[in-house]
Protein backbone atom coordinates (compact mmCIF):
# COMPACT_ATOMS: atom_id res chain seq x y z
CA VAL A 1 0.00 0.00 0.00
CA GLN A 2 1.29 3.43 -0.90
CA LEU A 3 0.18 6.53 0.99
CA GLN A 4 0.25 10.04 -0.42
CA ALA A 5 -0.17 12.93 2.03
CA SER A 6 -1.16 16.42 0.94
CA GLY A 7 -2.76 19.62 2.17
CA GLY A 8 0.03 21.19 4.18
CA GLY A 9 0.98 24.83 3.94
CA LEU A 10 1.49 28.11 5.75
CA VAL A 11 -1.35 29.28 7.98
CA PRO A 12 -1.58 32.03 10.64
CA PRO A 13 -2.20 31.15 14.29
CA GLY A 14 -5.86 30.35 14.84
CA GLY A 15 -6.29 29.20 11.28
CA SER A 16 -7.34 25.84 9.86
CA LEU A 17 -5.97 23.25 7.48
CA ARG A 18 -7.22 19.91 6.22
CA LEU A 19 -4.66 17.23 5.48
CA SER A 20 -5.50 14.36 3.16
CA CYS A 21 -3.92 10.95 2.78
CA ALA A 22 -4.73 8.90 -0.31
CA ALA A 23 -4.10 5.16 -0.10
CA SER A 24 -3.48 2.88 -3.08
CA GLY A 25 -5.20 -0.03 -1.35
CA ARG A 26 -7.09 -1.12 1.71
CA THR A 27 -6.00 0.33 5.02
CA TYR A 28 -6.66 -0.84 8.56
CA ALA A 29 -5.99 1.38 11.54
CA THR A 30 -4.68 4.71 10.30
CA ALA A 31 -3.05 7.64 11.99
CA TRP A 32 -1.31 10.95 11.64
CA PHE A 33 2.08 11.61 13.22
CA ARG A 34 4.24 14.71 13.14
CA GLN A 35 7.90 15.45 13.46
CA VAL A 36 10.08 18.50 13.96
CA PRO A 37 13.84 18.55 13.35
CA GLY A 38 15.83 16.93 16.15
CA LYS A 39 12.82 15.26 17.75
CA ASP A 40 11.16 11.87 17.49
CA ARG A 41 8.07 11.41 15.38
CA GLU A 42 5.04 11.82 17.64
CA PHE A 43 1.52 10.48 17.47
CA VAL A 44 -1.17 13.07 16.71
CA ALA A 45 -4.43 11.25 15.96
CA GLY A 46 -5.55 7.72 15.09
CA LEU A 47 -8.59 5.85 13.85
CA SER A 48 -9.24 2.16 14.39
CA SER A 49 -9.74 -0.31 11.57
CA SER A 50 -13.46 -0.47 12.35
CA GLY A 51 -13.69 3.31 12.19
CA THR A 52 -15.49 3.43 15.53
CA THR A 53 -12.60 4.42 17.80
CA THR A 54 -10.45 7.54 17.66
CA TRP A 55 -7.53 8.61 19.81
CA TYR A 56 -5.83 11.97 20.05
CA ALA A 57 -2.71 13.34 21.62
CA ASP A 58 -3.56 15.63 24.53
CA SER A 59 -1.95 18.55 22.72
CA VAL A 60 -4.46 18.42 19.85
CA LYS A 61 -7.59 17.11 21.59
CA GLY A 62 -10.58 19.30 20.82
CA ARG A 63 -8.82 21.00 17.90
CA PHE A 64 -8.02 18.19 15.46
CA THR A 65 -10.37 15.60 13.98
CA ILE A 66 -9.38 12.45 12.10
CA SER A 67 -11.79 10.88 9.64
CA ARG A 68 -11.83 8.36 6.83
CA ASP A 69 -13.68 7.89 3.54
CA ASP A 70 -13.54 4.20 2.68
CA SER A 71 -15.08 4.77 -0.75
CA LYS A 72 -12.02 6.86 -1.64
CA ASN A 73 -9.42 4.99 0.44
CA ALA A 74 -8.63 8.33 2.04
CA VAL A 75 -7.92 9.57 5.54
CA TYR A 76 -8.20 13.18 6.63
CA LEU A 77 -6.99 15.36 9.47
CA GLN A 78 -9.00 18.52 10.06
CA MET A 79 -6.87 20.93 12.08
CA ASN A 80 -8.53 23.96 13.68
CA SER A 81 -7.27 26.65 16.03
CA LEU A 82 -3.73 26.01 14.90
CA LYS A 83 -0.85 27.12 17.09
CA PRO A 84 2.81 27.80 16.25
CA GLU A 85 3.75 24.63 18.16
CA ASP A 86 1.76 22.60 15.63
CA THR A 87 4.42 23.42 13.05
CA ALA A 88 5.91 20.14 11.82
CA VAL A 89 6.03 17.68 8.98
CA TYR A 90 2.90 15.58 9.18
CA TYR A 91 2.89 11.91 8.14
CA CYS A 92 0.00 9.55 7.58
CA ALA A 93 0.41 5.90 8.45
CA SER A 94 -1.51 2.67 8.12
CA GLU A 95 -1.43 -0.80 9.60
CA GLY A 96 -0.91 -3.69 7.21
CA SER A 97 -3.30 -5.89 9.19
CA GLU A 98 -5.52 -5.76 12.28
CA ARG A 99 -2.88 -6.75 14.81
CA GLY A 100 -4.62 -5.39 17.85
CA GLY A 101 -8.19 -5.92 16.74
CA ARG A 102 -10.76 -3.90 14.84
CA ASP A 103 -11.28 -1.32 17.57
CA TYR A 104 -7.65 -0.80 18.56
CA VAL A 105 -5.80 2.43 17.79
CA PRO A 106 -2.01 1.97 17.69
CA VAL A 107 -0.05 4.98 18.91
CA ARG A 108 3.56 3.87 18.35
CA THR A 109 5.44 4.27 15.09
CA TYR A 110 6.53 0.62 14.97
CA GLU A 111 2.90 -0.49 14.98
CA TYR A 112 2.38 0.96 11.51
CA ASP A 113 3.55 -0.70 8.31
CA TYR A 114 2.99 1.96 5.66
CA TRP A 115 3.92 5.63 5.69
CA GLY A 116 3.25 8.61 3.48
CA GLN A 117 6.00 10.99 2.44
CA GLY A 118 5.03 13.82 4.78
CA THR A 119 3.54 17.26 4.26
CA GLN A 120 4.85 20.44 5.88
CA VAL A 121 2.55 22.47 8.11
CA THR A 122 3.81 25.86 9.23
CA VAL A 123 1.81 28.01 11.64
CA SER A 124 3.17 31.53 11.68
CA SER A 125 2.04 35.11 11.33
């Protein structure tokens, strides 16, 4: 499965962006991670294979929403009320199988088999 992330850009504080991740095949649990230079890639938001369970990092809870359109094999991340500390390269990721079950949301990088190339999000005035 290949993942293609898009939708990043430059946005002022308080603004919104919607990231998209197009998959070439079926995905299971999917997630968005982000990374800034010199730091580890961190979990942002995830959606279980069943689509019924979501999980968010505390830093984005209430501001970001992950969703999926199975008819398009696409995953989205709606980001509202953006802050300068949200600046990072954002990566989408997908499991290759339902390791933890249909309602499980993996939060560690090693739990994901496929990764998109990343899209830069910069929050600055």
